[in-house]
Amino acid sequence: MNRVVIIGGGAAGCFCAAELARLRPDLRVSVFEAAARPMMKLAVTGGGRCNITNSFERVSSLAEVYPRGDKLMKRLLHSFGPADCLRWFEEHGVRFVTQPDGCVFPASQDAMQIVHTLERAMCDAGVQLFCGRKVTAVDKDLTVHYTDASDHRPADSALPNASVKPGASVMPGLTGHLTRPDAVIVTTGGATAAKLLAGTGIELIPDVPSLFTLKIADSGLSSLMGTVVENVALGLAGTRFRSHGTLLLTDWGVSGPATLRLSSYAARWLAENQYHGSLLVNWMDSAEAPVRERLSAMSEGLRTVSNSHPSELSDRLWKMLVERAGIRADARWSELGSKGLSRLVNILTADTYEITGRARFKEEFVTCGGVSLAEVRPDTLESRGIPGLFFAGEVLDIDAVTGGFNLQAAWSTAWTVAHAINV
């Protein structure tokens, strides 16, 4: 019986295993997972609710949600897109709800339902799951080097259901154990892959974080902790990186969808600049002329500037912005003058804050980097230089903004590989 080894028991690895074993019951499919349990990240994604995919209905261009890998994802989504993903899980008893923003969650709002569904699917299809088995290297001839959690025992008894391809060697000691399957599928993170594939010659793009919040130098924003502004445009001075959406002010700086999108788009630039730079905030997400027109209309009468403001900005935020524009708290609109109005318009459309670092985001296990997409065949995700070696999930240089897009990439790449195996 031919054997396939999947390295990594995360979302992509377990989904690939379940689908491959279902398609090819003639294969012996094994998953090697270094942790004590599979899918530990999946269990906490979406705040424990599991944002399994997105409807994509509000996505006008894949480049908006896949800063890296959008062209490949366009191909893969045609074969296995969000509707196919939901159909697969619905056939396994899961029901879903779609939010107005397009994010899709299980109706149970419980990520563990997805974890248990994949575990049952693997079990029913006869997949062998080896937890506590850490792969240390993969060779060009597909030899897999690994160690077990209990390496004080003889290698051939480390796991009672362990199996090795006939003719392969099993070696205890410092080098761990070896097995040579007919195909290897790598579904680990990019940083892990750099060690596993070091001897293969495969190009790997260095990993850096791609979803995080930003620390801002003390500028008064921290006093507005918890303030939410629905429609904001963010940018990085001196670059073309821009994002739009909801902004959340925190005690350390800025968060929310707009910030996370910007961090994803500019992940490499921010890493190269040690997470320092100038953050541009357009509080109105509008050009100067319309903002000036709105403010001019508000300037009639004797009202004070600080006590009358655009409805989309809170009273506290508006007062801070007026102060940043150098306008007295008791100044009336009629006293503002053209220079004062111009300063206020500039603050509303091009406010600037100093970025002093990055802060952790609760789902910050998303990174950009991994196996270069030039290394794989786009229709199968098989290595161009090493036949029988495949890649799926976050090990590839594909990553997305928050909203279920990263998990959809995991499902799509895993499904592609499962249907491409021909051993």
Protein backbone atom coordinates (compact mmCIF):
# COMPACT_ATOMS: atom_id res chain seq x y z
CA MET A 1 0.00 0.00 0.00
CA ASN A 2 1.41 3.39 -1.01
CA ARG A 3 1.93 5.86 1.78
CA VAL A 4 1.52 9.64 2.03
CA VAL A 5 2.89 11.62 4.98
CA ILE A 6 1.39 15.01 5.85
CA ILE A 7 3.64 17.17 8.01
CA GLY A 8 1.54 19.46 10.19
CA GLY A 9 -1.76 18.74 11.91
CA GLY A 10 -3.33 22.15 11.53
CA ALA A 11 -6.39 23.16 9.53
CA ALA A 12 -4.80 22.56 6.11
CA GLY A 13 -3.08 19.32 7.10
CA CYS A 14 -6.13 17.70 8.69
CA PHE A 15 -8.52 18.81 5.94
CA CYS A 16 -6.10 17.53 3.30
CA ALA A 17 -5.76 14.22 5.13
CA ALA A 18 -9.52 13.71 5.44
CA GLU A 19 -10.19 14.57 1.80
CA LEU A 20 -7.26 12.56 0.44
CA ALA A 21 -8.14 9.45 2.45
CA ARG A 22 -11.76 9.76 1.32
CA LEU A 23 -10.71 10.03 -2.33
CA ARG A 24 -8.02 7.35 -2.16
CA PRO A 25 -8.87 4.58 0.32
CA ASP A 26 -6.04 2.61 -1.27
CA LEU A 27 -3.49 4.97 0.28
CA ARG A 28 -2.09 4.93 3.79
CA VAL A 29 -2.37 8.57 4.90
CA SER A 30 -0.43 9.66 8.00
CA VAL A 31 -0.35 13.05 9.70
CA PHE A 32 2.73 13.97 11.76
CA GLU A 33 1.98 16.72 14.32
CA ALA A 34 4.61 18.00 16.75
CA ALA A 35 2.09 19.25 19.34
CA ALA A 36 0.16 17.10 21.78
CA ARG A 37 -3.10 17.76 19.94
CA PRO A 38 -4.01 18.64 16.35
CA MET A 39 -5.57 21.93 15.20
CA MET A 40 -4.74 23.90 18.33
CA LYS A 41 -4.69 27.20 16.42
CA LEU A 42 -7.96 26.40 14.67
CA ALA A 43 -9.57 25.86 18.07
CA VAL A 44 -9.00 29.50 19.05
CA THR A 45 -9.40 31.26 15.70
CA GLY A 46 -12.09 33.89 15.43
CA GLY A 47 -12.04 34.35 19.19
CA GLY A 48 -12.99 30.68 19.59
CA ARG A 49 -15.88 31.04 17.14
CA CYS A 50 -13.94 30.05 13.97
CA ASN A 51 -14.39 32.48 11.11
CA ILE A 52 -14.24 29.56 8.68
CA THR A 53 -14.48 31.53 5.43
CA ASN A 54 -15.97 34.63 3.86
CA SER A 55 -18.80 35.06 1.37
CA PHE A 56 -16.49 37.26 -0.78
CA GLU A 57 -19.59 39.25 -1.77
CA ARG A 58 -18.01 42.53 -0.68
CA VAL A 59 -14.64 41.79 -2.29
CA SER A 60 -14.10 43.67 -5.54
CA SER A 61 -10.51 42.46 -6.05
CA LEU A 62 -8.71 39.51 -4.50
CA ALA A 63 -5.64 41.72 -4.07
CA GLU A 64 -7.65 43.64 -1.45
CA VAL A 65 -7.83 40.59 0.79
CA TYR A 66 -4.78 38.58 -0.32
CA PRO A 67 -1.79 40.97 -0.28
CA ARG A 68 0.36 38.00 -1.29
CA GLY A 69 -0.89 35.14 -3.45
CA ASP A 70 -3.98 36.75 -4.99
CA LYS A 71 -3.28 35.42 -8.51
CA LEU A 72 -2.84 31.85 -7.31
CA MET A 73 -5.89 32.14 -5.07
CA LYS A 74 -7.99 33.26 -8.04
CA ARG A 75 -7.18 29.95 -9.73
CA LEU A 76 -7.70 27.85 -6.60
CA LEU A 77 -11.02 29.48 -5.66
CA HIS A 78 -12.46 28.47 -9.02
CA SER A 79 -11.86 24.84 -8.05
CA PHE A 80 -12.70 25.03 -4.36
CA GLY A 81 -14.21 28.30 -3.19
CA PRO A 82 -16.25 29.37 -0.16
CA ALA A 83 -19.46 27.72 -1.37
CA ASP A 84 -17.59 24.43 -1.87
CA CYS A 85 -16.05 24.75 1.60
CA LEU A 86 -19.42 25.27 3.27
CA ARG A 87 -20.94 22.41 1.28
CA TRP A 88 -18.15 20.07 2.43
CA PHE A 89 -18.69 20.88 6.10
CA GLU A 90 -22.49 20.90 5.77
CA GLU A 91 -22.29 17.35 4.42
CA HIS A 92 -20.50 16.55 7.69
CA GLY A 93 -23.31 18.06 9.78
CA VAL A 94 -22.14 21.65 10.32
CA ARG A 95 -24.51 24.58 9.79
CA PHE A 96 -23.36 28.16 9.24
CA VAL A 97 -24.37 31.80 9.61
CA THR A 98 -23.09 34.66 7.46
CA GLN A 99 -22.64 38.10 8.98
CA PRO A 100 -23.40 41.34 7.10
CA ASP A 101 -19.64 41.87 6.61
CA GLY A 102 -19.36 38.51 4.82
CA CYS A 103 -17.67 36.60 7.65
CA VAL A 104 -18.99 33.04 7.98
CA PHE A 105 -19.13 31.21 11.32
CA PRO A 106 -20.57 27.87 12.41
CA ALA A 107 -24.09 28.39 13.76
CA SER A 108 -22.86 26.92 17.04
CA GLN A 109 -20.32 29.79 17.31
CA ASP A 110 -17.88 27.14 18.50
CA ALA A 111 -14.55 26.50 16.78
CA MET A 112 -14.33 23.11 18.45
CA GLN A 113 -17.21 21.92 16.27
CA ILE A 114 -14.95 22.38 13.23
CA VAL A 115 -12.06 20.67 15.01
CA HIS A 116 -14.20 17.67 16.00
CA THR A 117 -15.70 17.48 12.51
CA LEU A 118 -12.26 17.17 10.94
CA GLU A 119 -11.14 14.68 13.57
CA ARG A 120 -14.16 12.47 12.84
CA ALA A 121 -13.64 12.79 9.09
CA MET A 122 -10.03 11.67 9.44
CA CYS A 123 -10.97 8.81 11.72
CA ASP A 124 -13.77 7.62 9.43
CA ALA A 125 -11.41 7.69 6.42
CA GLY A 126 -8.70 5.72 8.25
CA VAL A 127 -6.12 8.49 8.61
CA GLN A 128 -3.25 7.78 11.01
CA LEU A 129 -2.65 10.76 13.31
CA PHE A 130 0.69 10.86 15.15
CA CYS A 131 0.78 13.65 17.73
CA GLY A 132 4.05 14.38 19.50
CA ARG A 133 5.94 13.50 16.32
CA LYS A 134 8.23 16.34 15.28
CA VAL A 135 9.65 16.33 11.77
CA THR A 136 13.15 17.80 11.69
CA ALA A 137 14.00 17.57 7.98
CA VAL A 138 12.77 16.47 4.59
CA ASP A 139 15.33 15.36 1.98
CA LYS A 140 15.19 15.64 -1.79
CA ASP A 141 14.42 11.91 -2.04
CA LEU A 142 11.40 12.48 0.27
CA THR A 143 13.08 10.93 3.28
CA VAL A 144 11.37 12.34 6.37
CA HIS A 145 13.47 12.75 9.53
CA TYR A 146 11.51 12.89 12.78
CA THR A 147 11.60 12.41 16.51
CA ASP A 148 8.87 11.15 18.83
CA ALA A 149 7.84 12.53 22.18
CA SER A 150 9.07 9.29 23.82
CA ASP A 151 12.37 8.74 22.06
CA HIS A 152 13.75 6.83 25.01
CA ARG A 153 11.81 3.89 23.61
CA PRO A 154 12.97 1.92 20.57
CA ALA A 155 11.91 3.71 17.40
CA ASP A 156 9.85 0.82 16.05
CA SER A 157 7.68 0.85 19.19
CA ALA A 158 7.36 4.60 19.61
CA LEU A 159 3.78 4.44 18.37
CA PRO A 160 1.97 1.12 18.07
CA ASN A 161 0.40 1.94 14.71
CA ALA A 162 3.50 3.52 13.17
CA SER A 163 4.35 2.14 9.76
CA VAL A 164 7.28 2.50 7.40
CA LYS A 165 7.46 2.00 3.68
CA PRO A 166 9.11 -1.37 2.87
CA GLY A 167 12.80 -0.90 2.30
CA ALA A 168 13.04 2.28 4.36
CA SER A 169 15.14 2.50 7.49
CA VAL A 170 14.11 3.28 11.04
CA MET A 171 17.00 4.66 13.08
CA PRO A 172 17.02 5.61 16.76
CA GLY A 173 19.57 7.96 18.24
CA LEU A 174 20.53 11.56 17.72
CA THR A 175 19.35 11.63 14.10
CA GLY A 176 15.86 10.51 15.11
CA HIS A 177 13.90 8.23 12.81
CA LEU A 178 13.55 8.02 9.04
CA THR A 179 10.75 7.05 6.74
CA ARG A 180 10.43 7.35 2.97
CA PRO A 181 6.79 7.70 1.88
CA ASP A 182 5.64 7.91 -1.73
CA ALA A 183 4.54 11.52 -1.30
CA VAL A 184 5.06 14.23 1.31
CA ILE A 185 2.70 17.13 1.95
CA VAL A 186 4.06 20.00 4.05
CA THR A 187 1.40 22.06 5.84
CA THR A 188 3.44 23.65 8.63
CA GLY A 189 4.09 27.35 9.18
CA GLY A 190 6.68 29.12 7.07
CA ALA A 191 9.20 29.48 9.91
CA THR A 192 9.09 25.73 10.60
CA ALA A 193 9.40 24.96 6.90
CA ALA A 194 12.66 26.91 6.71
CA LYS A 195 14.26 24.28 8.96
CA LEU A 196 12.52 21.28 7.39
CA LEU A 197 13.44 22.19 3.82
CA ALA A 198 16.92 23.60 4.43
CA GLY A 199 18.59 20.86 2.38
CA THR A 200 16.18 20.86 -0.55
CA GLY A 201 17.20 24.06 -2.28
CA ILE A 202 13.60 25.29 -2.29
CA GLU A 203 13.32 29.07 -2.08
CA LEU A 204 11.61 30.28 1.07
CA ILE A 205 10.51 33.86 1.67
CA PRO A 206 11.40 34.90 5.26
CA ASP A 207 8.44 34.99 7.65
CA VAL A 208 7.25 38.23 9.24
CA PRO A 209 4.00 39.00 11.11
CA SER A 210 1.18 40.23 8.90
CA LEU A 211 -1.75 40.94 11.25
CA PHE A 212 -1.05 43.19 14.20
CA THR A 213 -2.04 46.44 15.88
CA LEU A 214 0.18 49.51 16.04
CA LYS A 215 1.71 51.27 19.01
CA ILE A 216 1.50 55.06 18.78
CA ALA A 217 3.63 57.64 20.60
CA ASP A 218 1.69 59.39 23.35
CA SER A 219 -0.43 61.94 21.49
CA GLY A 220 -3.71 62.01 23.37
CA LEU A 221 -5.18 58.98 21.61
CA SER A 222 -4.78 56.80 24.70
CA SER A 223 -7.24 59.03 26.56
CA LEU A 224 -9.84 58.00 23.97
CA MET A 225 -9.39 54.27 24.59
CA GLY A 226 -12.42 52.35 23.34
CA THR A 227 -13.50 54.97 20.80
CA VAL A 228 -14.60 53.45 17.49
CA VAL A 229 -14.63 55.40 14.21
CA GLU A 230 -16.51 53.55 11.49
CA ASN A 231 -15.10 54.95 8.24
CA VAL A 232 -11.43 55.88 8.35
CA ALA A 233 -8.61 55.78 5.80
CA LEU A 234 -5.12 54.91 7.02
CA GLY A 235 -1.78 55.18 5.27
CA LEU A 236 1.95 55.14 5.84
CA ALA A 237 3.77 58.33 4.95
CA GLY A 238 6.17 57.95 2.04
CA THR A 239 4.50 54.76 0.78
CA ARG A 240 1.48 53.71 -1.26
CA PHE A 241 0.09 51.52 1.50
CA ARG A 242 -3.50 52.49 2.29
CA SER A 243 -6.45 50.83 4.03
CA HIS A 244 -10.06 51.69 4.80
CA GLY A 245 -12.52 50.58 7.46
CA THR A 246 -13.25 50.77 11.16
CA LEU A 247 -10.61 52.15 13.52
CA LEU A 248 -10.46 51.31 17.24
CA LEU A 249 -8.46 53.53 19.58
CA THR A 250 -6.69 51.66 22.38
CA ASP A 251 -4.52 52.44 25.37
CA TRP A 252 -1.42 51.59 23.30
CA GLY A 253 -2.40 53.01 19.90
CA VAL A 254 -4.71 51.86 17.13
CA SER A 255 -6.46 48.60 16.28
CA GLY A 256 -9.57 47.50 14.40
CA PRO A 257 -10.05 46.23 10.81
CA ALA A 258 -8.47 49.30 9.17
CA THR A 259 -5.27 48.86 11.20
CA LEU A 260 -5.09 45.11 10.64
CA ARG A 261 -5.51 45.57 6.89
CA LEU A 262 -2.76 48.16 6.80
CA SER A 263 -0.44 45.90 8.79
CA SER A 264 -1.12 43.09 6.32
CA TYR A 265 -0.53 45.21 3.23
CA ALA A 266 2.64 46.75 4.66
CA ALA A 267 3.93 43.74 6.62
CA ARG A 268 7.35 43.62 4.99
CA TRP A 269 7.84 47.39 4.88
CA LEU A 270 7.02 47.67 8.57
CA ALA A 271 9.35 44.79 9.46
CA GLU A 272 12.19 46.34 7.44
CA ASN A 273 11.64 49.64 9.26
CA GLN A 274 11.57 48.02 12.73
CA TYR A 275 7.87 48.91 13.04
CA HIS A 276 8.49 52.65 13.00
CA GLY A 277 7.04 55.24 10.67
CA SER A 278 4.40 57.93 10.32
CA LEU A 279 0.76 56.87 10.36
CA LEU A 280 -1.57 59.04 8.29
CA VAL A 281 -5.17 59.13 9.49
CA ASN A 282 -8.02 60.49 7.37
CA TRP A 283 -10.74 60.62 9.99
CA MET A 284 -13.45 61.30 7.41
CA ASP A 285 -12.18 58.92 4.67
CA SER A 286 -12.75 61.80 2.29
CA ALA A 287 -10.85 64.25 0.10
CA GLU A 288 -10.13 67.75 1.37
CA ALA A 289 -12.70 69.58 -0.80
CA PRO A 290 -15.81 67.74 0.48
CA VAL A 291 -14.61 68.06 4.09
CA ARG A 292 -13.99 71.78 3.67
CA GLU A 293 -17.47 72.15 2.19
CA ARG A 294 -19.06 70.34 5.15
CA LEU A 295 -17.18 72.42 7.69
CA SER A 296 -18.03 75.65 5.88
CA ALA A 297 -21.71 74.76 6.09
CA MET A 298 -21.32 74.23 9.85
CA SER A 299 -19.64 77.58 10.35
CA GLU A 300 -22.86 79.60 10.15
CA GLY A 301 -24.08 81.16 13.38
CA LEU A 302 -22.38 81.69 16.68
CA ARG A 303 -21.76 78.10 17.73
CA THR A 304 -18.35 77.20 19.11
CA VAL A 305 -16.19 74.90 17.01
CA SER A 306 -15.64 72.38 19.80
CA ASN A 307 -19.37 71.92 20.43
CA SER A 308 -20.53 71.22 16.86
CA HIS A 309 -18.98 68.49 14.76
CA PRO A 310 -19.59 65.92 11.98
CA SER A 311 -21.95 63.22 13.21
CA GLU A 312 -19.52 60.37 12.48
CA LEU A 313 -17.02 61.66 15.05
CA SER A 314 -17.61 61.42 18.78
CA ASP A 315 -17.65 64.54 20.94
CA ARG A 316 -14.45 63.54 22.76
CA LEU A 317 -12.56 62.73 19.57
CA TRP A 318 -13.70 65.97 17.92
CA LYS A 319 -12.50 68.07 20.86
CA MET A 320 -9.08 66.40 20.67
CA LEU A 321 -8.84 67.02 16.92
CA VAL A 322 -9.83 70.68 17.36
CA GLU A 323 -7.06 71.02 19.94
CA ARG A 324 -4.56 69.32 17.57
CA ALA A 325 -5.52 71.90 14.93
CA GLY A 326 -4.47 74.65 17.35
CA ILE A 327 -7.98 76.04 17.77
CA ARG A 328 -9.15 77.40 21.12
CA ALA A 329 -11.85 75.39 22.86
CA ASP A 330 -14.12 78.47 23.07
CA ALA A 331 -13.49 79.69 19.50
CA ARG A 332 -16.59 80.26 17.39
CA TRP A 333 -16.91 79.13 13.79
CA SER A 334 -17.28 82.74 12.72
CA GLU A 335 -13.86 83.50 14.25
CA LEU A 336 -12.05 80.60 12.61
CA GLY A 337 -10.93 82.31 9.40
CA SER A 338 -9.51 80.60 6.32
CA LYS A 339 -6.25 79.59 8.02
CA GLY A 340 -7.99 78.05 10.99
CA LEU A 341 -10.37 76.19 8.69
CA SER A 342 -7.46 74.91 6.61
CA ARG A 343 -5.69 73.60 9.74
CA LEU A 344 -8.84 71.77 10.81
CA VAL A 345 -9.38 70.29 7.35
CA ASN A 346 -5.76 69.12 7.31
CA ILE A 347 -6.13 67.42 10.70
CA LEU A 348 -9.33 65.68 9.58
CA THR A 349 -7.87 64.40 6.31
CA ALA A 350 -4.14 63.99 6.99
CA ASP A 351 -3.59 63.65 10.73
CA THR A 352 -0.14 62.22 11.52
CA TYR A 353 1.00 59.99 14.39
CA GLU A 354 4.36 58.39 15.15
CA ILE A 355 4.39 54.59 15.07
CA THR A 356 6.69 53.25 17.78
CA GLY A 357 6.18 49.52 17.38
CA ARG A 358 3.70 46.75 16.86
CA ALA A 359 1.40 45.24 19.45
CA ARG A 360 0.13 41.70 19.53
CA PHE A 361 -3.25 40.91 18.00
CA LYS A 362 -5.28 38.03 19.44
CA GLU A 363 -4.98 36.12 16.14
CA GLU A 364 -1.39 37.04 15.39
CA PHE A 365 -0.25 33.66 14.22
CA VAL A 366 -0.74 34.81 10.63
CA THR A 367 2.51 35.61 8.87
CA CYS A 368 3.59 36.43 5.36
CA GLY A 369 6.37 34.39 3.84
CA GLY A 370 7.01 30.70 3.33
CA VAL A 371 7.57 28.63 0.20
CA SER A 372 7.90 30.91 -2.81
CA LEU A 373 4.96 30.45 -5.18
CA ALA A 374 7.44 30.27 -8.04
CA GLU A 375 8.55 26.92 -6.56
CA VAL A 376 5.19 25.16 -7.01
CA ARG A 377 3.01 24.11 -9.90
CA PRO A 378 -0.13 26.27 -9.64
CA ASP A 379 -2.52 23.48 -10.62
CA THR A 380 -1.22 20.90 -8.12
CA LEU A 381 0.97 22.83 -5.61
CA GLU A 382 3.67 20.21 -6.18
CA SER A 383 7.30 21.25 -6.02
CA ARG A 384 8.64 22.01 -9.50
CA GLY A 385 12.01 20.51 -8.61
CA ILE A 386 11.11 17.63 -6.27
CA PRO A 387 8.33 15.36 -7.59
CA GLY A 388 6.10 14.03 -4.83
CA LEU A 389 6.62 16.99 -2.52
CA PHE A 390 3.51 19.17 -2.07
CA PHE A 391 2.61 22.24 -0.03
CA ALA A 392 -0.67 23.53 1.44
CA GLY A 393 -1.80 26.12 3.97
CA GLU A 394 0.31 28.77 5.65
CA VAL A 395 3.60 27.17 4.57
CA LEU A 396 2.99 28.84 1.19
CA ASP A 397 3.67 32.53 0.66
CA ILE A 398 -0.04 33.29 0.73
CA ASP A 399 -1.66 35.37 3.45
CA ALA A 400 -4.77 37.46 3.85
CA VAL A 401 -6.42 40.16 5.87
CA THR A 402 -8.68 39.15 8.74
CA GLY A 403 -12.19 37.96 7.89
CA GLY A 404 -11.99 34.23 7.12
CA PHE A 405 -9.75 34.62 4.08
CA ASN A 406 -6.73 32.88 5.59
CA LEU A 407 -8.74 29.79 6.49
CA GLN A 408 -10.26 29.74 3.01
CA ALA A 409 -6.71 29.67 1.63
CA ALA A 410 -6.02 26.68 3.90
CA TRP A 411 -9.10 24.80 2.62
CA SER A 412 -8.48 25.66 -1.04
CA THR A 413 -4.80 24.72 -1.07
CA ALA A 414 -5.42 21.53 0.92
CA TRP A 415 -8.24 20.44 -1.40
CA THR A 416 -6.05 21.11 -4.44
CA VAL A 417 -3.24 18.93 -3.11
CA ALA A 418 -5.60 16.13 -2.04
CA HIS A 419 -6.98 15.97 -5.58
CA ALA A 420 -3.53 16.16 -7.16
CA ILE A 421 -1.88 13.18 -5.40
CA ASN A 422 -1.25 10.41 -7.91
CA VAL A 423 0.88 7.70 -6.33
